[in-house]
C-alpha atoms as a PDB file:
ATOM      1  CA  UNK A   1       0.000   0.000   0.000  1.00  0.00           C
ATOM      2  CA  UNK A   2       2.853   2.353   0.876  1.00  0.00           C
ATOM      3  CA  UNK A   3       4.648   1.693  -2.403  1.00  0.00           C
ATOM      4  CA  UNK A   4       1.491   2.414  -4.394  1.00  0.00           C
ATOM      5  CA  UNK A   5       0.892   5.666  -2.489  1.00  0.00           C
ATOM      6  CA  UNK A   6       4.508   6.721  -2.942  1.00  0.00           C
ATOM      7  CA  UNK A   7       4.368   6.017  -6.664  1.00  0.00           C
ATOM      8  CA  UNK A   8       1.219   8.098  -6.989  1.00  0.00           C
ATOM      9  CA  UNK A   9       2.795  10.987  -5.062  1.00  0.00           C
ATOM     10  CA  UNK A  10       5.891  10.842  -7.275  1.00  0.00           C
ATOM     11  CA  UNK A  11       3.703  10.929 -10.375  1.00  0.00           C
ATOM     12  CA  UNK A  12       1.892  14.012  -9.091  1.00  0.00           C
ATOM     13  CA  UNK A  13       5.184  15.782  -8.357  1.00  0.00           C
ATOM     14  CA  UNK A  14       6.520  14.922 -11.791  1.00  0.00           C
ATOM     15  CA  UNK A  15       3.288  16.158 -13.382  1.00  0.00           C
ATOM     16  CA  UNK A  16       3.538  19.492 -11.569  1.00  0.00           C
ATOM     17  CA  UNK A  17       7.169  19.882 -12.645  1.00  0.00           C
ATOM     18  CA  UNK A  18       6.292  19.034 -16.245  1.00  0.00           C
ATOM     19  CA  UNK A  19       3.428  21.545 -16.388  1.00  0.00           C
ATOM     20  CA  UNK A  20       5.564  24.239 -14.761  1.00  0.00           C
ATOM     21  CA  UNK A  21       8.251  23.726 -17.424  1.00  0.00           C
ATOM     22  CA  UNK A  22       5.651  23.870 -20.210  1.00  0.00           C
ATOM     23  CA  UNK A  23       4.225  27.051 -18.712  1.00  0.00           C
ATOM     24  CA  UNK A  24       7.610  28.761 -18.938  1.00  0.00           C
ATOM     25  CA  UNK A  25       7.757  27.877 -22.648  1.00  0.00           C
ATOM     26  CA  UNK A  26       4.534  29.736 -23.530  1.00  0.00           C
ATOM     27  CA  UNK A  27       5.629  32.583 -25.863  1.00  0.00           C
ATOM     28  CA  UNK A  28       2.717  34.878 -24.959  1.00  0.00           C
ATOM     29  CA  UNK A  29       3.803  36.891 -21.900  1.00  0.00           C
ATOM     30  CA  UNK A  30       0.235  37.845 -20.913  1.00  0.00           C
ATOM     31  CA  UNK A  31      -0.885  34.206 -21.102  1.00  0.00           C
ATOM     32  CA  UNK A  32       2.030  33.167 -18.871  1.00  0.00           C
ATOM     33  CA  UNK A  33       1.154  35.870 -16.348  1.00  0.00           C
ATOM     34  CA  UNK A  34      -2.507  34.831 -16.245  1.00  0.00           C
ATOM     35  CA  UNK A  35      -1.549  31.167 -15.829  1.00  0.00           C
ATOM     36  CA  UNK A  36       0.860  32.075 -13.011  1.00  0.00           C
ATOM     37  CA  UNK A  37      -1.818  34.101 -11.245  1.00  0.00           C
ATOM     38  CA  UNK A  38      -4.334  31.271 -11.658  1.00  0.00           C
ATOM     39  CA  UNK A  39      -1.908  28.734 -10.182  1.00  0.00           C
ATOM     40  CA  UNK A  40      -1.122  31.065  -7.277  1.00  0.00           C
ATOM     41  CA  UNK A  41      -4.834  31.661  -6.613  1.00  0.00           C
ATOM     42  CA  UNK A  42      -5.530  27.924  -6.596  1.00  0.00           C
ATOM     43  CA  UNK A  43      -2.671  27.336  -4.145  1.00  0.00           C
ATOM     44  CA  UNK A  44      -4.007  30.131  -1.904  1.00  0.00           C
ATOM     45  CA  UNK A  45      -7.516  28.646  -2.056  1.00  0.00           C
ATOM     46  CA  UNK A  46      -6.304  25.224  -0.963  1.00  0.00           C
ATOM     47  CA  UNK A  47      -4.039  26.764   1.670  1.00  0.00           C
ATOM     48  CA  UNK A  48      -6.934  28.727   3.154  1.00  0.00           C
ATOM     49  CA  UNK A  49      -9.127  25.621   3.039  1.00  0.00           C
ATOM     50  CA  UNK A  50      -6.539  23.520   4.866  1.00  0.00           C
ATOM     51  CA  UNK A  51      -6.095  26.250   7.475  1.00  0.00           C
ATOM     52  CA  UNK A  52      -9.823  26.281   8.206  1.00  0.00           C
ATOM     53  CA  UNK A  53     -10.053  22.487   8.260  1.00  0.00           C
ATOM     54  CA  UNK A  54      -7.249  22.093  10.790  1.00  0.00           C
ATOM     55  CA  UNK A  55      -8.611  25.018  12.764  1.00  0.00           C
ATOM     56  CA  UNK A  56     -11.938  23.215  13.148  1.00  0.00           C
ATOM     57  CA  UNK A  57     -10.219  19.953  14.078  1.00  0.00           C
ATOM     58  CA  UNK A  58      -8.085  21.693  16.719  1.00  0.00           C
ATOM     59  CA  UNK A  59     -11.073  22.534  18.931  1.00  0.00           C
ATOM     60  CA  UNK A  60     -10.910  20.795  22.298  1.00  0.00           C
ATOM     61  CA  UNK A  61     -14.500  19.564  22.032  1.00  0.00           C
ATOM     62  CA  UNK A  62     -14.317  18.718  18.330  1.00  0.00           C
ATOM     63  CA  UNK A  63     -17.005  16.222  17.341  1.00  0.00           C
ATOM     64  CA  UNK A  64     -16.751  14.496  13.975  1.00  0.00           C
ATOM     65  CA  UNK A  65     -20.352  15.176  12.936  1.00  0.00           C
ATOM     66  CA  UNK A  66     -20.225  18.769  14.178  1.00  0.00           C
ATOM     67  CA  UNK A  67     -16.904  19.475  12.464  1.00  0.00           C
ATOM     68  CA  UNK A  68     -18.202  17.988   9.210  1.00  0.00           C
ATOM     69  CA  UNK A  69     -21.266  20.249   9.365  1.00  0.00           C
ATOM     70  CA  UNK A  70     -19.153  23.335  10.137  1.00  0.00           C
ATOM     71  CA  UNK A  71     -16.800  22.620   7.256  1.00  0.00           C
ATOM     72  CA  UNK A  72     -19.687  22.070   4.849  1.00  0.00           C
ATOM     73  CA  UNK A  73     -21.083  25.481   5.880  1.00  0.00           C
ATOM     74  CA  UNK A  74     -17.726  27.180   5.270  1.00  0.00           C
ATOM     75  CA  UNK A  75     -17.734  28.689   1.787  1.00  0.00           C
ATOM     76  CA  UNK A  76     -14.038  28.058   1.074  1.00  0.00           C
ATOM     77  CA  UNK A  77     -13.974  24.479   2.347  1.00  0.00           C
ATOM     78  CA  UNK A  78     -17.332  23.697   0.746  1.00  0.00           C
ATOM     79  CA  UNK A  79     -16.011  24.784  -2.656  1.00  0.00           C
ATOM     80  CA  UNK A  80     -13.101  22.353  -2.312  1.00  0.00           C
ATOM     81  CA  UNK A  81     -15.477  19.583  -1.257  1.00  0.00           C
ATOM     82  CA  UNK A  82     -17.636  20.203  -4.315  1.00  0.00           C
ATOM     83  CA  UNK A  83     -14.629  20.185  -6.654  1.00  0.00           C
ATOM     84  CA  UNK A  84     -13.665  16.711  -5.425  1.00  0.00           C
ATOM     85  CA  UNK A  85     -17.201  15.370  -4.947  1.00  0.00           C
ATOM     86  CA  UNK A  86     -16.760  15.193  -1.165  1.00  0.00           C
ATOM     87  CA  UNK A  87     -19.652  17.417  -0.076  1.00  0.00           C
ATOM     88  CA  UNK A  88     -21.581  15.526   2.644  1.00  0.00           C
ATOM     89  CA  UNK A  89     -25.065  16.751   1.655  1.00  0.00           C
ATOM     90  CA  UNK A  90     -26.507  15.285  -1.578  1.00  0.00           C
ATOM     91  CA  UNK A  91     -27.347  17.685  -4.399  1.00  0.00           C
ATOM     92  CA  UNK A  92     -31.095  16.977  -4.250  1.00  0.00           C
ATOM     93  CA  UNK A  93     -31.213  17.697  -0.518  1.00  0.00           C
ATOM     94  CA  UNK A  94     -29.330  20.983  -0.941  1.00  0.00           C
ATOM     95  CA  UNK A  95     -31.746  22.079  -3.667  1.00  0.00           C
ATOM     96  CA  UNK A  96     -34.732  21.271  -1.441  1.00  0.00           C
ATOM     97  CA  UNK A  97     -33.189  23.203   1.468  1.00  0.00           C
ATOM     98  CA  UNK A  98     -32.584  26.227  -0.746  1.00  0.00           C
ATOM     99  CA  UNK A  99     -36.198  26.254  -1.920  1.00  0.00           C
ATOM    100  CA  UNK A 100     -37.433  26.018   1.674  1.00  0.00           C
ATOM    101  CA  UNK A 101     -35.399  29.113   2.562  1.00  0.00           C
ATOM    102  CA  UNK A 102     -36.887  31.286  -0.183  1.00  0.00           C
ATOM    103  CA  UNK A 103     -40.509  30.167   0.099  1.00  0.00           C
ATOM    104  CA  UNK A 104     -41.379  32.910   2.643  1.00  0.00           C
ATOM    105  CA  UNK A 105     -40.351  35.585   0.134  1.00  0.00           C
ATOM    106  CA  UNK A 106     -42.215  33.901  -2.730  1.00  0.00           C
ATOM    107  CA  UNK A 107     -45.256  33.473  -0.493  1.00  0.00           C
ATOM    108  CA  UNK A 108     -45.193  37.188   0.317  1.00  0.00           C
ATOM    109  CA  UNK A 109     -45.937  37.732  -3.390  1.00  0.00           C
ATOM    110  CA  UNK A 110     -48.601  35.049  -3.591  1.00  0.00           C
ATOM    111  CA  UNK A 111     -46.262  32.612  -5.277  1.00  0.00           C
ATOM    112  CA  UNK A 112     -44.453  29.335  -4.751  1.00  0.00           C
ATOM    113  CA  UNK A 113     -41.934  27.120  -6.488  1.00  0.00           C
ATOM    114  CA  UNK A 114     -42.255  23.433  -7.329  1.00  0.00           C
ATOM    115  CA  UNK A 115     -39.281  21.118  -7.835  1.00  0.00           C
ATOM    116  CA  UNK A 116     -39.988  19.041 -10.942  1.00  0.00           C
ATOM    117  CA  UNK A 117     -36.733  17.101 -10.879  1.00  0.00           C
ATOM    118  CA  UNK A 118     -32.956  17.120 -11.344  1.00  0.00           C
ATOM    119  CA  UNK A 119     -31.389  15.403 -14.334  1.00  0.00           C
ATOM    120  CA  UNK A 120     -27.756  15.524 -15.476  1.00  0.00           C
ATOM    121  CA  UNK A 121     -27.096  18.335 -13.035  1.00  0.00           C
ATOM    122  CA  UNK A 122     -29.918  20.518 -14.388  1.00  0.00           C
ATOM    123  CA  UNK A 123     -32.711  21.387 -11.961  1.00  0.00           C
ATOM    124  CA  UNK A 124     -36.231  21.777 -13.348  1.00  0.00           C
ATOM    125  CA  UNK A 125     -38.560  24.118 -11.462  1.00  0.00           C
ATOM    126  CA  UNK A 126     -41.966  25.666 -11.861  1.00  0.00           C
ATOM    127  CA  UNK A 127     -42.991  29.062 -10.491  1.00  0.00           C
ATOM    128  CA  UNK A 128     -46.663  28.851  -9.573  1.00  0.00           C
ATOM    129  CA  UNK A 129     -49.307  31.297  -8.442  1.00  0.00           C
ATOM    130  CA  UNK A 130     -47.022  34.345  -8.529  1.00  0.00           C
ATOM    131  CA  UNK A 131     -48.905  37.623  -8.379  1.00  0.00           C
ATOM    132  CA  UNK A 132     -48.517  39.477 -11.674  1.00  0.00           C
ATOM    133  CA  UNK A 133     -49.962  42.690 -10.231  1.00  0.00           C
ATOM    134  CA  UNK A 134     -47.342  43.317  -7.556  1.00  0.00           C
ATOM    135  CA  UNK A 135     -44.150  45.256  -8.159  1.00  0.00           C
ATOM    136  CA  UNK A 136     -41.936  42.175  -8.005  1.00  0.00           C
ATOM    137  CA  UNK A 137     -41.993  40.709 -11.508  1.00  0.00           C
ATOM    138  CA  UNK A 138     -41.726  37.042 -12.425  1.00  0.00           C
ATOM    139  CA  UNK A 139     -38.135  37.677 -13.501  1.00  0.00           C
ATOM    140  CA  UNK A 140     -37.280  39.014 -10.038  1.00  0.00           C
ATOM    141  CA  UNK A 141     -38.859  35.971  -8.395  1.00  0.00           C
ATOM    142  CA  UNK A 142     -36.836  33.820 -10.755  1.00  0.00           C
ATOM    143  CA  UNK A 143     -33.693  35.694  -9.724  1.00  0.00           C
ATOM    144  CA  UNK A 144     -34.372  34.919  -6.055  1.00  0.00           C
ATOM    145  CA  UNK A 145     -34.720  31.224  -6.854  1.00  0.00           C
ATOM    146  CA  UNK A 146     -31.622  31.175  -9.032  1.00  0.00           C
ATOM    147  CA  UNK A 147     -29.370  32.944  -6.534  1.00  0.00           C
ATOM    148  CA  UNK A 148     -30.537  30.725  -3.673  1.00  0.00           C
ATOM    149  CA  UNK A 149     -29.636  27.664  -5.738  1.00  0.00           C
ATOM    150  CA  UNK A 150     -26.319  29.152  -6.821  1.00  0.00           C
ATOM    151  CA  UNK A 151     -25.370  29.602  -3.167  1.00  0.00           C
ATOM    152  CA  UNK A 152     -26.592  26.200  -1.945  1.00  0.00           C
ATOM    153  CA  UNK A 153     -25.656  24.139  -5.005  1.00  0.00           C
ATOM    154  CA  UNK A 154     -22.939  25.789  -7.119  1.00  0.00           C
ATOM    155  CA  UNK A 155     -22.288  22.397  -8.708  1.00  0.00           C
ATOM    156  CA  UNK A 156     -25.589  22.551 -10.613  1.00  0.00           C
ATOM    157  CA  UNK A 157     -25.057  22.581 -14.362  1.00  0.00           C
ATOM    158  CA  UNK A 158     -28.109  24.730 -15.033  1.00  0.00           C
ATOM    159  CA  UNK A 159     -31.701  25.603 -14.246  1.00  0.00           C
ATOM    160  CA  UNK A 160     -34.919  25.408 -16.238  1.00  0.00           C
ATOM    161  CA  UNK A 161     -37.917  27.324 -14.932  1.00  0.00           C
ATOM    162  CA  UNK A 162     -41.518  27.122 -16.064  1.00  0.00           C
ATOM    163  CA  UNK A 163     -43.869  30.020 -15.395  1.00  0.00           C
ATOM    164  CA  UNK A 164     -41.677  32.880 -16.678  1.00  0.00           C
ATOM    165  CA  UNK A 165     -41.669  34.613 -20.027  1.00  0.00           C
ATOM    166  CA  UNK A 166     -38.021  34.269 -20.993  1.00  0.00           C
ATOM    167  CA  UNK A 167     -35.840  31.146 -20.860  1.00  0.00           C
ATOM    168  CA  UNK A 168     -33.109  31.051 -18.245  1.00  0.00           C
ATOM    169  CA  UNK A 169     -29.367  30.706 -18.784  1.00  0.00           C
ATOM    170  CA  UNK A 170     -27.134  28.185 -17.008  1.00  0.00           C
ATOM    171  CA  UNK A 171     -26.589  29.068 -13.374  1.00  0.00           C
ATOM    172  CA  UNK A 172     -22.800  29.705 -13.589  1.00  0.00           C
ATOM    173  CA  UNK A 173     -23.130  32.456 -16.213  1.00  0.00           C
ATOM    174  CA  UNK A 174     -26.608  33.933 -16.022  1.00  0.00           C
ATOM    175  CA  UNK A 175     -26.858  37.616 -15.069  1.00  0.00           C
ATOM    176  CA  UNK A 176     -29.043  38.772 -12.196  1.00  0.00           C
ATOM    177  CA  UNK A 177     -32.462  39.939 -13.282  1.00  0.00           C
ATOM    178  CA  UNK A 178     -33.122  43.693 -13.408  1.00  0.00           C
ATOM    179  CA  UNK A 179     -29.381  44.446 -12.929  1.00  0.00           C
ATOM    180  CA  UNK A 180     -29.464  43.598  -9.236  1.00  0.00           C
ATOM    181  CA  UNK A 181     -26.755  42.240  -6.992  1.00  0.00           C
ATOM    182  CA  UNK A 182     -26.777  40.576  -3.569  1.00  0.00           C
ATOM    183  CA  UNK A 183     -25.273  42.365  -0.567  1.00  0.00           C
ATOM    184  CA  UNK A 184     -24.959  41.268   3.054  1.00  0.00           C
ATOM    185  CA  UNK A 185     -27.049  42.958   5.744  1.00  0.00           C
ATOM    186  CA  UNK A 186     -25.033  42.938   8.932  1.00  0.00           C
ATOM    187  CA  UNK A 187     -26.840  42.804  12.282  1.00  0.00           C
ATOM    188  CA  UNK A 188     -30.204  41.606  10.967  1.00  0.00           C
ATOM    189  CA  UNK A 189     -29.939  37.872  11.661  1.00  0.00           C
ATOM    190  CA  UNK A 190     -30.877  38.259  15.349  1.00  0.00           C
ATOM    191  CA  UNK A 191     -34.003  40.404  14.938  1.00  0.00           C
ATOM    192  CA  UNK A 192     -36.605  39.182  17.420  1.00  0.00           C
ATOM    193  CA  UNK A 193     -40.119  38.237  16.355  1.00  0.00           C
ATOM    194  CA  UNK A 194     -42.471  41.180  16.045  1.00  0.00           C
ATOM    195  CA  UNK A 195     -39.621  43.662  15.627  1.00  0.00           C
ATOM    196  CA  UNK A 196     -38.736  45.940  12.722  1.00  0.00           C
ATOM    197  CA  UNK A 197     -35.341  47.627  12.350  1.00  0.00           C
ATOM    198  CA  UNK A 198     -33.614  50.083  10.068  1.00  0.00           C
ATOM    199  CA  UNK A 199     -31.005  48.377   7.890  1.00  0.00           C
ATOM    200  CA  UNK A 200     -28.372  49.574   5.463  1.00  0.00           C
ATOM    201  CA  UNK A 201     -29.194  50.302   1.809  1.00  0.00           C
ATOM    202  CA  UNK A 202     -32.180  52.420   2.933  1.00  0.00           C
ATOM    203  CA  UNK A 203     -34.143  49.337   3.960  1.00  0.00           C
ATOM    204  CA  UNK A 204     -36.228  48.104   6.838  1.00  0.00           C
ATOM    205  CA  UNK A 205     -36.219  44.457   7.914  1.00  0.00           C
ATOM    206  CA  UNK A 206     -39.060  42.945   9.923  1.00  0.00           C
ATOM    207  CA  UNK A 207     -39.368  39.593  11.657  1.00  0.00           C
ATOM    208  CA  UNK A 208     -42.921  38.386  11.070  1.00  0.00           C
ATOM    209  CA  UNK A 209     -43.602  35.034  12.746  1.00  0.00           C
ATOM    210  CA  UNK A 210     -39.960  34.008  12.349  1.00  0.00           C
ATOM    211  CA  UNK A 211     -39.686  35.129   8.716  1.00  0.00           C
ATOM    212  CA  UNK A 212     -37.470  38.074   7.767  1.00  0.00           C
ATOM    213  CA  UNK A 213     -38.960  40.453   5.186  1.00  0.00           C
ATOM    214  CA  UNK A 214     -37.218  43.468   3.652  1.00  0.00           C
ATOM    215  CA  UNK A 215     -38.737  46.652   2.178  1.00  0.00           C
ATOM    216  CA  UNK A 216     -37.621  50.113   1.211  1.00  0.00           C
ATOM    217  CA  UNK A 217     -37.898  52.194   4.371  1.00  0.00           C
ATOM    218  CA  UNK A 218     -40.419  54.686   3.046  1.00  0.00           C
ATOM    219  CA  UNK A 219     -44.191  54.912   3.427  1.00  0.00           C
ATOM    220  CA  UNK A 220     -45.894  54.574   0.053  1.00  0.00           C
ATOM    221  CA  UNK A 221     -48.335  57.291   1.083  1.00  0.00           C
ATOM    222  CA  UNK A 222     -46.279  60.074   2.643  1.00  0.00           C
ATOM    223  CA  UNK A 223     -42.695  58.925   2.139  1.00  0.00           C
ATOM    224  CA  UNK A 224     -41.853  58.979   5.860  1.00  0.00           C
ATOM    225  CA  UNK A 225     -39.470  56.348   7.287  1.00  0.00           C
ATOM    226  CA  UNK A 226     -41.336  53.405   8.763  1.00  0.00           C
ATOM    227  CA  UNK A 227     -38.791  51.423  10.768  1.00  0.00           C
ATOM    228  CA  UNK A 228     -37.972  54.051  13.395  1.00  0.00           C
ATOM    229  CA  UNK A 229     -41.463  55.231  14.330  1.00  0.00           C
ATOM    230  CA  UNK A 230     -43.847  52.773  12.670  1.00  0.00           C
ATOM    231  CA  UNK A 231     -45.789  50.186  14.659  1.00  0.00           C
ATOM    232  CA  UNK A 232     -45.599  46.503  13.726  1.00  0.00           C
ATOM    233  CA  UNK A 233     -48.509  44.431  14.964  1.00  0.00           C
ATOM    234  CA  UNK A 234     -48.688  40.890  13.664  1.00  0.00           C
ATOM    235  CA  UNK A 235     -47.794  41.299  10.020  1.00  0.00           C
ATOM    236  CA  UNK A 236     -49.138  44.850   9.725  1.00  0.00           C
ATOM    237  CA  UNK A 237     -46.796  47.854   9.783  1.00  0.00           C
ATOM    238  CA  UNK A 238     -48.509  51.211  10.411  1.00  0.00           C
ATOM    239  CA  UNK A 239     -46.953  54.544   9.465  1.00  0.00           C
ATOM    240  CA  UNK A 240     -46.700  56.937  12.431  1.00  0.00           C
ATOM    241  CA  UNK A 241     -47.056  59.953  10.121  1.00  0.00           C
ATOM    242  CA  UNK A 242     -50.070  59.220   7.919  1.00  0.00           C
ATOM    243  CA  UNK A 243     -51.474  56.098   9.678  1.00  0.00           C
ATOM    244  CA  UNK A 244     -51.507  53.989   6.518  1.00  0.00           C
ATOM    245  CA  UNK A 245     -51.152  50.273   7.334  1.00  0.00           C
ATOM    246  CA  UNK A 246     -49.213  47.799   5.214  1.00  0.00           C
ATOM    247  CA  UNK A 247     -49.540  44.005   5.107  1.00  0.00           C
ATOM    248  CA  UNK A 248     -45.911  42.847   5.100  1.00  0.00           C
ATOM    249  CA  UNK A 249     -46.523  39.119   4.427  1.00  0.00           C
ATOM    250  CA  UNK A 250     -48.507  40.102   1.325  1.00  0.00           C
ATOM    251  CA  UNK A 251     -45.921  42.164  -0.548  1.00  0.00           C
ATOM    252  CA  UNK A 252     -46.516  45.318   1.534  1.00  0.00           C
ATOM    253  CA  UNK A 253     -49.983  46.106   0.182  1.00  0.00           C
ATOM    254  CA  UNK A 254     -51.753  48.953   1.938  1.00  0.00           C
ATOM    255  CA  UNK A 255     -54.844  47.919   3.878  1.00  0.00           C
ATOM    256  CA  UNK A 256     -56.319  51.412   3.610  1.00  0.00           C
ATOM    257  CA  UNK A 257     -55.643  52.280  -0.036  1.00  0.00           C
ATOM    258  CA  UNK A 258     -55.488  49.644  -2.786  1.00  0.00           C
ATOM    259  CA  UNK A 259     -53.319  51.961  -4.893  1.00  0.00           C
ATOM    260  CA  UNK A 260     -50.495  52.031  -2.344  1.00  0.00           C
ATOM    261  CA  UNK A 261     -47.829  49.394  -1.811  1.00  0.00           C
ATOM    262  CA  UNK A 262     -44.402  49.310  -0.179  1.00  0.00           C
ATOM    263  CA  UNK A 263     -41.405  48.358  -2.323  1.00  0.00           C
ATOM    264  CA  UNK A 264     -40.406  44.775  -1.442  1.00  0.00           C
ATOM    265  CA  UNK A 265     -36.755  43.707  -1.632  1.00  0.00           C
ATOM    266  CA  UNK A 266     -35.666  40.083  -2.221  1.00  0.00           C
ATOM    267  CA  UNK A 267     -34.045  38.648   0.913  1.00  0.00           C
ATOM    268  CA  UNK A 268     -32.093  35.419   1.398  1.00  0.00           C
ATOM    269  CA  UNK A 269     -31.371  33.980   4.821  1.00  0.00           C
ATOM    270  CA  UNK A 270     -28.818  31.169   4.868  1.00  0.00           C
ATOM    271  CA  UNK A 271     -25.598  29.899   6.384  1.00  0.00           C
ATOM    272  CA  UNK A 272     -23.795  32.986   5.118  1.00  0.00           C
ATOM    273  CA  UNK A 273     -26.181  35.349   6.947  1.00  0.00           C
ATOM    274  CA  UNK A 274     -28.821  37.687   5.574  1.00  0.00           C
ATOM    275  CA  UNK A 275     -28.503  39.108   2.048  1.00  0.00           C
ATOM    276  CA  UNK A 276     -30.736  41.374  -0.023  1.00  0.00           C
ATOM    277  CA  UNK A 277     -30.849  42.134  -3.740  1.00  0.00           C
ATOM    278  CA  UNK A 278     -30.287  45.795  -4.579  1.00  0.00           C
ATOM    279  CA  UNK A 279     -29.719  47.735  -7.793  1.00  0.00           C
ATOM    280  CA  UNK A 280     -26.144  47.746  -9.065  1.00  0.00           C
END
């Protein structure tokens, strides 16, 4: 067994030396520089991954199952696991977990998502019952689904979605809908139930029955900030200035005026914390 392992190690070393020599022979200077930077980045990635792995194993009360879960939740280590097909959670289970996380946001717009199946690394989904009259379009709902899957299952080869007007691109390359990007919201993970707080990006975040919902922090009637002085009762947020009341679990529709509605913001809540989609 030792001889076989040694032979394999020697072959790997020889392969690295061979490729390094071939790299130096590339006549294009820019190509050589890019290849060098790529190799250095890969080495740094693996070095950081090993540092985090041994850091988790060094804990005095390290438990195998707990350490495995912590490593799987670590973005750097998880990427290495996925590269080598070592991730402990099956692809199907990760897809299901991702859909569970985004259902509260979809539900707030009268919608849902159905998993039709996964074949050859391509997940097939169906957006159902989404409200076409609210300000969040089908493409935005699709973006929420796609980004949740990209985070939970970056090894997916692509995504096909029924219930939207335009076909989707493969997950690794598709642009975010409506030119939006995801940003982290620090300090919002621990919001207690029934509370609403002011967040960065000009947003408010409310915890309604354990579900975090994000909106632009401005009353649709008078424009006054809602988080600081508004009253949240159940899922209804009432403006302290004009007394308009908004149903947060139902896309921020005004209970007093059918023409008024808060601006909802897609929110993801996962192992990496709380993130929202904002304009680039």
